[in-house]
């Protein structure tokens, strides 16, 4: 159940991130930011439960997965902050596009 919740939250988080970064309307950016925050909290909660159950099998992967998830959250907050100021760089978006699937892949490796 926690694994399915984790994957669903990652999918919704990534789609909301995409919808929030690209629109021209300021109200949609703020709505998407709030929804993304909800889902990254659900990702953190489900990842903690999964990490507690699988730390004895893959301790290094759990630690790396948690660190990468925290990096994704920090980059997301940075991207939304810069989007509100309209001074974000394409490099930041590419980092998010690359690191978010990497976090999901590492979480998959932890699960199995």
C-alpha atoms as a PDB file:
ATOM      1  CA  UNK A   1       0.000   0.000   0.000  1.00  0.00           C
ATOM      2  CA  UNK A   2       2.774   2.464   0.879  1.00  0.00           C
ATOM      3  CA  UNK A   3       4.646   1.717  -2.329  1.00  0.00           C
ATOM      4  CA  UNK A   4       1.558   2.391  -4.450  1.00  0.00           C
ATOM      5  CA  UNK A   5       0.900   5.593  -2.500  1.00  0.00           C
ATOM      6  CA  UNK A   6       4.501   6.661  -3.037  1.00  0.00           C
ATOM      7  CA  UNK A   7       4.375   6.105  -6.804  1.00  0.00           C
ATOM      8  CA  UNK A   8       0.989   7.810  -7.123  1.00  0.00           C
ATOM      9  CA  UNK A   9       2.244  10.811  -5.166  1.00  0.00           C
ATOM     10  CA  UNK A  10       5.382  11.047  -7.320  1.00  0.00           C
ATOM     11  CA  UNK A  11       3.254  10.998 -10.466  1.00  0.00           C
ATOM     12  CA  UNK A  12       0.846  13.653  -9.247  1.00  0.00           C
ATOM     13  CA  UNK A  13       3.723  15.727  -7.859  1.00  0.00           C
ATOM     14  CA  UNK A  14       5.567  15.670 -11.181  1.00  0.00           C
ATOM     15  CA  UNK A  15       2.441  16.560 -13.177  1.00  0.00           C
ATOM     16  CA  UNK A  16       1.560  19.424 -10.803  1.00  0.00           C
ATOM     17  CA  UNK A  17       5.133  20.667 -10.999  1.00  0.00           C
ATOM     18  CA  UNK A  18       4.892  20.688 -14.778  1.00  0.00           C
ATOM     19  CA  UNK A  19       1.538  22.482 -14.707  1.00  0.00           C
ATOM     20  CA  UNK A  20       2.738  24.999 -12.131  1.00  0.00           C
ATOM     21  CA  UNK A  21       5.987  26.003 -13.768  1.00  0.00           C
ATOM     22  CA  UNK A  22       4.647  26.517 -17.292  1.00  0.00           C
ATOM     23  CA  UNK A  23       1.461  28.608 -16.974  1.00  0.00           C
ATOM     24  CA  UNK A  24       1.350  32.337 -17.389  1.00  0.00           C
ATOM     25  CA  UNK A  25      -1.325  32.867 -14.731  1.00  0.00           C
ATOM     26  CA  UNK A  26      -0.002  33.681 -11.274  1.00  0.00           C
ATOM     27  CA  UNK A  27      -3.025  32.113  -9.551  1.00  0.00           C
ATOM     28  CA  UNK A  28      -2.350  28.731 -11.187  1.00  0.00           C
ATOM     29  CA  UNK A  29       1.265  28.846 -10.010  1.00  0.00           C
ATOM     30  CA  UNK A  30       0.204  29.353  -6.395  1.00  0.00           C
ATOM     31  CA  UNK A  31      -2.471  26.629  -6.601  1.00  0.00           C
ATOM     32  CA  UNK A  32      -0.002  24.207  -8.136  1.00  0.00           C
ATOM     33  CA  UNK A  33       2.603  25.077  -5.514  1.00  0.00           C
ATOM     34  CA  UNK A  34       0.164  24.241  -2.709  1.00  0.00           C
ATOM     35  CA  UNK A  35      -0.852  20.948  -4.335  1.00  0.00           C
ATOM     36  CA  UNK A  36       2.807  20.053  -4.924  1.00  0.00           C
ATOM     37  CA  UNK A  37       3.580  20.739  -1.264  1.00  0.00           C
ATOM     38  CA  UNK A  38       0.774  18.434  -0.183  1.00  0.00           C
ATOM     39  CA  UNK A  39       2.055  15.643  -2.365  1.00  0.00           C
ATOM     40  CA  UNK A  40       5.705  16.022  -1.421  1.00  0.00           C
ATOM     41  CA  UNK A  41       4.686  15.738   2.224  1.00  0.00           C
ATOM     42  CA  UNK A  42       2.853  12.526   1.340  1.00  0.00           C
ATOM     43  CA  UNK A  43       5.993  11.367  -0.499  1.00  0.00           C
ATOM     44  CA  UNK A  44       8.128  12.065   2.574  1.00  0.00           C
ATOM     45  CA  UNK A  45       5.700  10.244   4.882  1.00  0.00           C
ATOM     46  CA  UNK A  46       5.434   7.185   2.641  1.00  0.00           C
ATOM     47  CA  UNK A  47       9.190   7.177   2.085  1.00  0.00           C
ATOM     48  CA  UNK A  48       9.824   7.165   5.838  1.00  0.00           C
ATOM     49  CA  UNK A  49       7.522   4.170   6.297  1.00  0.00           C
ATOM     50  CA  UNK A  50       9.161   2.330   3.391  1.00  0.00           C
ATOM     51  CA  UNK A  51      12.630   3.248   4.696  1.00  0.00           C
ATOM     52  CA  UNK A  52      11.859   1.868   8.152  1.00  0.00           C
ATOM     53  CA  UNK A  53      10.828  -1.430   6.626  1.00  0.00           C
ATOM     54  CA  UNK A  54      13.717  -1.769   4.184  1.00  0.00           C
ATOM     55  CA  UNK A  55      16.658  -0.066   5.915  1.00  0.00           C
ATOM     56  CA  UNK A  56      18.080  -3.398   7.064  1.00  0.00           C
ATOM     57  CA  UNK A  57      18.281  -4.623   3.436  1.00  0.00           C
ATOM     58  CA  UNK A  58      19.500  -1.483   1.630  1.00  0.00           C
ATOM     59  CA  UNK A  59      20.834   1.109   4.088  1.00  0.00           C
ATOM     60  CA  UNK A  60      22.917   3.033   1.551  1.00  0.00           C
ATOM     61  CA  UNK A  61      20.103   3.177  -1.018  1.00  0.00           C
ATOM     62  CA  UNK A  62      17.645   4.409   1.617  1.00  0.00           C
ATOM     63  CA  UNK A  63      19.989   7.212   2.660  1.00  0.00           C
ATOM     64  CA  UNK A  64      20.708   8.191  -0.960  1.00  0.00           C
ATOM     65  CA  UNK A  65      16.980   8.103  -1.770  1.00  0.00           C
ATOM     66  CA  UNK A  66      16.140  10.365   1.158  1.00  0.00           C
ATOM     67  CA  UNK A  67      18.864  12.837   0.225  1.00  0.00           C
ATOM     68  CA  UNK A  68      17.786  12.970  -3.415  1.00  0.00           C
ATOM     69  CA  UNK A  69      14.157  13.440  -2.372  1.00  0.00           C
ATOM     70  CA  UNK A  70      15.204  16.368  -0.195  1.00  0.00           C
ATOM     71  CA  UNK A  71      17.129  17.836  -3.139  1.00  0.00           C
ATOM     72  CA  UNK A  72      14.009  17.503  -5.318  1.00  0.00           C
ATOM     73  CA  UNK A  73      11.948  19.303  -2.683  1.00  0.00           C
ATOM     74  CA  UNK A  74      14.517  22.096  -2.374  1.00  0.00           C
ATOM     75  CA  UNK A  75      14.733  22.517  -6.150  1.00  0.00           C
ATOM     76  CA  UNK A  76      10.942  22.545  -6.394  1.00  0.00           C
ATOM     77  CA  UNK A  77      10.620  25.300  -3.815  1.00  0.00           C
ATOM     78  CA  UNK A  78      13.382  27.219  -5.567  1.00  0.00           C
ATOM     79  CA  UNK A  79      11.660  26.827  -8.946  1.00  0.00           C
ATOM     80  CA  UNK A  80       8.314  28.026  -7.611  1.00  0.00           C
ATOM     81  CA  UNK A  81       9.964  30.960  -5.871  1.00  0.00           C
ATOM     82  CA  UNK A  82      11.768  31.967  -9.023  1.00  0.00           C
ATOM     83  CA  UNK A  83       8.623  31.462 -11.105  1.00  0.00           C
ATOM     84  CA  UNK A  84       6.804  33.957  -8.903  1.00  0.00           C
ATOM     85  CA  UNK A  85       9.663  36.407  -9.470  1.00  0.00           C
ATOM     86  CA  UNK A  86       9.753  35.406 -13.197  1.00  0.00           C
ATOM     87  CA  UNK A  87      13.524  34.922 -13.072  1.00  0.00           C
ATOM     88  CA  UNK A  88      14.017  31.181 -13.240  1.00  0.00           C
ATOM     89  CA  UNK A  89      16.608  29.511 -15.432  1.00  0.00           C
ATOM     90  CA  UNK A  90      16.159  26.573 -17.791  1.00  0.00           C
ATOM     91  CA  UNK A  91      19.017  24.833 -15.975  1.00  0.00           C
ATOM     92  CA  UNK A  92      16.895  24.625 -12.832  1.00  0.00           C
ATOM     93  CA  UNK A  93      14.052  23.037 -14.773  1.00  0.00           C
ATOM     94  CA  UNK A  94      16.394  20.516 -16.397  1.00  0.00           C
ATOM     95  CA  UNK A  95      17.764  19.584 -12.984  1.00  0.00           C
ATOM     96  CA  UNK A  96      14.221  18.920 -11.787  1.00  0.00           C
ATOM     97  CA  UNK A  97      13.398  16.894 -14.904  1.00  0.00           C
ATOM     98  CA  UNK A  98      16.498  14.738 -14.398  1.00  0.00           C
ATOM     99  CA  UNK A  99      16.558  14.399 -10.600  1.00  0.00           C
ATOM    100  CA  UNK A 100      12.856  13.646 -10.051  1.00  0.00           C
ATOM    101  CA  UNK A 101      12.846  10.406 -12.108  1.00  0.00           C
ATOM    102  CA  UNK A 102      16.191   9.529 -10.509  1.00  0.00           C
ATOM    103  CA  UNK A 103      14.555   9.779  -7.085  1.00  0.00           C
ATOM    104  CA  UNK A 104      11.735   7.487  -8.253  1.00  0.00           C
ATOM    105  CA  UNK A 105      14.243   4.964  -9.645  1.00  0.00           C
ATOM    106  CA  UNK A 106      16.187   4.903  -6.389  1.00  0.00           C
ATOM    107  CA  UNK A 107      12.947   4.472  -4.467  1.00  0.00           C
ATOM    108  CA  UNK A 108      12.106   1.530  -6.741  1.00  0.00           C
ATOM    109  CA  UNK A 109      15.483  -0.038  -5.996  1.00  0.00           C
ATOM    110  CA  UNK A 110      14.843   0.363  -2.283  1.00  0.00           C
ATOM    111  CA  UNK A 111      11.449  -1.328  -2.608  1.00  0.00           C
ATOM    112  CA  UNK A 112      12.821  -4.481  -4.207  1.00  0.00           C
END
